[in-house]
Protein backbone atom coordinates (compact mmCIF):
# COMPACT_ATOMS: atom_id res chain seq x y z
CA MET A 1 -57.76 -41.98 29.57
CA SER A 2 -55.31 -40.72 32.09
CA ARG A 3 -55.22 -37.31 33.71
CA ALA A 4 -51.69 -35.91 33.43
CA GLY A 5 -51.99 -32.23 34.43
CA LYS A 6 -49.17 -29.76 33.87
CA GLY A 7 -45.49 -30.42 33.80
CA ARG A 8 -42.99 -32.12 31.56
CA GLU A 9 -45.63 -33.02 28.96
CA ILE A 10 -46.79 -29.42 28.52
CA HIS A 11 -43.23 -28.15 28.36
CA ALA A 12 -42.47 -30.78 25.69
CA LEU A 13 -45.64 -29.91 23.75
CA ASN A 14 -44.82 -26.21 23.67
CA ALA A 15 -41.22 -26.90 22.65
CA ALA A 16 -41.91 -29.56 20.00
CA TRP A 17 -45.37 -28.57 18.73
CA GLY A 18 -45.15 -24.78 19.17
CA TRP A 19 -44.85 -24.42 15.40
CA ALA A 20 -48.60 -25.24 15.29
CA GLY A 21 -49.37 -21.82 16.79
CA VAL A 22 -50.89 -23.14 20.03
CA ARG A 23 -49.66 -22.22 23.51
CA PHE A 24 -50.52 -25.43 25.39
CA ALA A 25 -51.54 -25.02 29.03
CA GLU A 26 -52.88 -28.34 30.39
CA MET A 27 -52.79 -32.01 29.43
CA VAL A 28 -56.38 -33.09 30.03
CA ALA A 29 -55.91 -36.72 28.93
CA HIS A 30 -53.87 -38.96 26.70
CA SER A 31 -54.48 -42.36 25.20
CA LEU A 32 -52.30 -45.45 25.46
CA MET A 33 -51.15 -44.68 21.88
CA GLY A 34 -50.12 -41.12 22.77
CA HIS A 35 -53.05 -39.16 21.36
CA MET A 36 -53.70 -36.08 23.48
CA LEU A 37 -56.55 -33.87 24.60
CA VAL A 38 -55.07 -30.56 25.76
CA THR A 39 -56.12 -27.01 26.47
CA ASP A 40 -54.37 -23.85 25.42
CA ASP A 41 -53.75 -20.69 27.42
CA THR A 42 -57.21 -19.36 26.44
CA GLY A 43 -58.99 -22.51 27.67
CA ALA A 44 -59.76 -23.88 24.20
CA PHE A 45 -59.46 -27.65 23.73
CA HIS A 46 -57.22 -29.25 21.10
CA TYR A 47 -56.66 -32.81 19.88
CA VAL A 48 -53.03 -33.68 19.16
CA ASP A 49 -52.63 -36.66 16.83
CA PRO A 50 -49.00 -37.85 16.93
CA ASP A 51 -49.61 -40.38 14.13
CA LEU A 52 -50.83 -37.81 11.60
CA GLY A 53 -48.76 -34.95 13.01
CA GLU A 54 -51.82 -32.75 13.43
CA VAL A 55 -53.25 -30.41 16.04
CA THR A 56 -57.01 -29.94 15.72
CA ARG A 57 -58.74 -27.09 17.55
CA LEU A 58 -61.92 -28.43 19.12
CA GLY A 59 -63.10 -25.33 20.95
CA THR A 60 -65.13 -25.51 24.13
CA GLU A 61 -65.29 -28.40 26.60
CA ALA A 62 -68.70 -29.37 25.18
CA GLU A 63 -67.26 -29.42 21.64
CA ALA A 64 -64.29 -31.51 22.84
CA LYS A 65 -66.64 -34.00 24.54
CA ALA A 66 -68.73 -34.26 21.37
CA TYR A 67 -65.59 -34.85 19.26
CA LEU A 68 -64.29 -37.53 21.63
CA ALA A 69 -67.72 -39.22 21.72
CA ARG A 70 -67.70 -39.83 17.94
CA ASP A 71 -67.26 -43.49 17.01
CA GLU A 72 -64.37 -42.69 14.65
CA THR A 73 -62.51 -40.71 17.33
CA GLN A 74 -63.11 -43.41 19.93
CA ALA A 75 -61.72 -46.08 17.59
CA ILE A 76 -58.56 -44.04 17.06
CA TRP A 77 -58.27 -43.05 20.72
CA ARG A 78 -58.66 -46.59 22.04
CA ALA A 79 -56.81 -48.32 19.16
CA ASP A 80 -57.87 -51.63 20.68
CA ALA A 81 -56.11 -53.93 18.19
CA LEU A 82 -52.83 -51.99 18.38
CA VAL A 83 -52.91 -51.70 22.17
CA ASP A 84 -53.70 -55.42 22.53
CA ALA A 85 -50.89 -56.38 20.14
CA ALA A 86 -48.42 -54.06 21.87
CA ALA A 87 -49.35 -55.32 25.34
CA LYS A 88 -48.98 -58.93 24.23
CA ARG A 89 -45.60 -58.33 22.55
CA LEU A 90 -44.08 -55.62 24.76
CA GLY A 91 -45.87 -55.88 28.08
CA ALA A 92 -47.74 -53.11 29.85
CA PRO A 93 -46.30 -49.61 29.55
CA ALA A 94 -44.44 -48.39 32.62
CA LEU A 95 -45.50 -45.21 34.39
CA GLY A 96 -44.86 -42.34 31.96
CA GLU A 97 -44.80 -44.59 28.90
CA VAL A 98 -47.20 -45.10 26.01
CA TYR A 99 -47.23 -47.29 22.94
CA SER A 100 -46.36 -45.90 19.53
CA LEU A 101 -44.80 -46.80 16.24
CA THR A 102 -41.12 -46.48 15.45
CA PRO A 103 -40.36 -43.08 13.84
CA GLN A 104 -39.87 -44.75 10.45
CA ALA A 105 -43.24 -46.49 10.74
CA LEU A 106 -44.92 -43.24 11.83
CA VAL A 107 -43.69 -41.48 8.69
CA ALA A 108 -44.63 -44.43 6.49
CA GLY A 109 -47.99 -44.97 8.20
CA ASP A 110 -47.05 -48.63 8.70
CA TYR A 111 -49.16 -49.98 11.56
CA ALA A 112 -47.73 -53.52 11.45
CA HIS A 113 -47.53 -54.95 14.94
CA GLU A 114 -43.76 -55.45 14.72
CA ASN A 115 -43.39 -51.65 14.41
CA LEU A 116 -44.96 -51.03 17.84
CA VAL A 117 -42.74 -49.82 20.67
CA ARG A 118 -43.08 -48.68 24.27
CA ILE A 119 -41.77 -45.15 24.61
CA ASP A 120 -41.51 -42.43 27.22
CA PHE A 121 -44.52 -40.16 26.63
CA VAL A 122 -42.45 -36.96 26.72
CA ARG A 123 -40.01 -38.47 24.20
CA LEU A 124 -42.95 -39.36 21.92
CA ILE A 125 -44.18 -35.76 22.10
CA GLN A 126 -40.69 -34.51 21.17
CA ILE A 127 -40.17 -36.95 18.30
CA THR A 128 -43.63 -36.58 16.76
CA GLY A 129 -43.65 -32.79 17.06
CA ASP A 130 -40.29 -32.59 15.32
CA LEU A 131 -41.35 -35.06 12.60
CA ALA A 132 -44.62 -33.20 12.04
CA ARG A 133 -42.82 -29.86 11.76
CA GLN A 134 -40.33 -31.20 9.24
CA THR A 135 -42.87 -33.06 7.09
CA ARG A 136 -45.95 -30.82 7.30
CA ASP A 137 -45.47 -29.17 3.89
CA LEU A 138 -44.48 -32.30 1.98
CA PRO A 139 -46.89 -33.59 -0.66
CA GLU A 140 -48.67 -36.91 -0.08
CA GLY A 141 -46.39 -39.81 -1.00
CA ALA A 142 -43.15 -37.81 -0.77
CA LEU A 143 -40.06 -39.87 0.01
CA VAL A 144 -38.61 -39.17 3.45
CA ASN A 145 -35.17 -40.15 4.73
CA ILE A 146 -34.85 -40.30 8.51
CA LYS A 147 -31.40 -39.65 9.88
CA VAL A 148 -30.89 -40.48 13.55
CA VAL A 149 -28.34 -38.33 15.34
CA ASP A 150 -27.21 -39.12 18.89
C-alpha cells in the first residue's frame, strides 16, 4: 500500500469517476494493480475497483479496515500472481505507475499475463472511470467495441 495524499489522483478521480456520485477528497492508499482506498468530502471511505468499474462505499475508518482485512479483499488488493507476472515481464513500475490490463482486456475481464501493462496511475484512473461510465448499464455479456481516439 502506498500513501498518495491529495493532488493529481484526486482531481482525476473526481473528473473520471464523478458519475458515481462521490466527491473524492483524499487518496488513502492504492495497490500495485490500481485498486484504491479513498475518502470523500464527508470523511467516508470508499473502495474503487478499476477492474470491475465499481465504487463501493465502506463507511467509517473501522469499516474500511474490516473490509480490507477480509481474505477475499486482500487477495484482490495484492493480486500476487498478476503483480509477479507483470514485474517479471515488464519490470518494476516507475514512480507514479501501476500495473493494469490493457483497456480491451479490462472490458473482457481477460487476466492473461500478456495483457498486463505498466501505466501512469492517473491515466489508469481516467481510462477506467471513462470505461466504467460508458459500460455501467450494459447487460452481462454485452459486446463492446473500443475505439481509440488520439
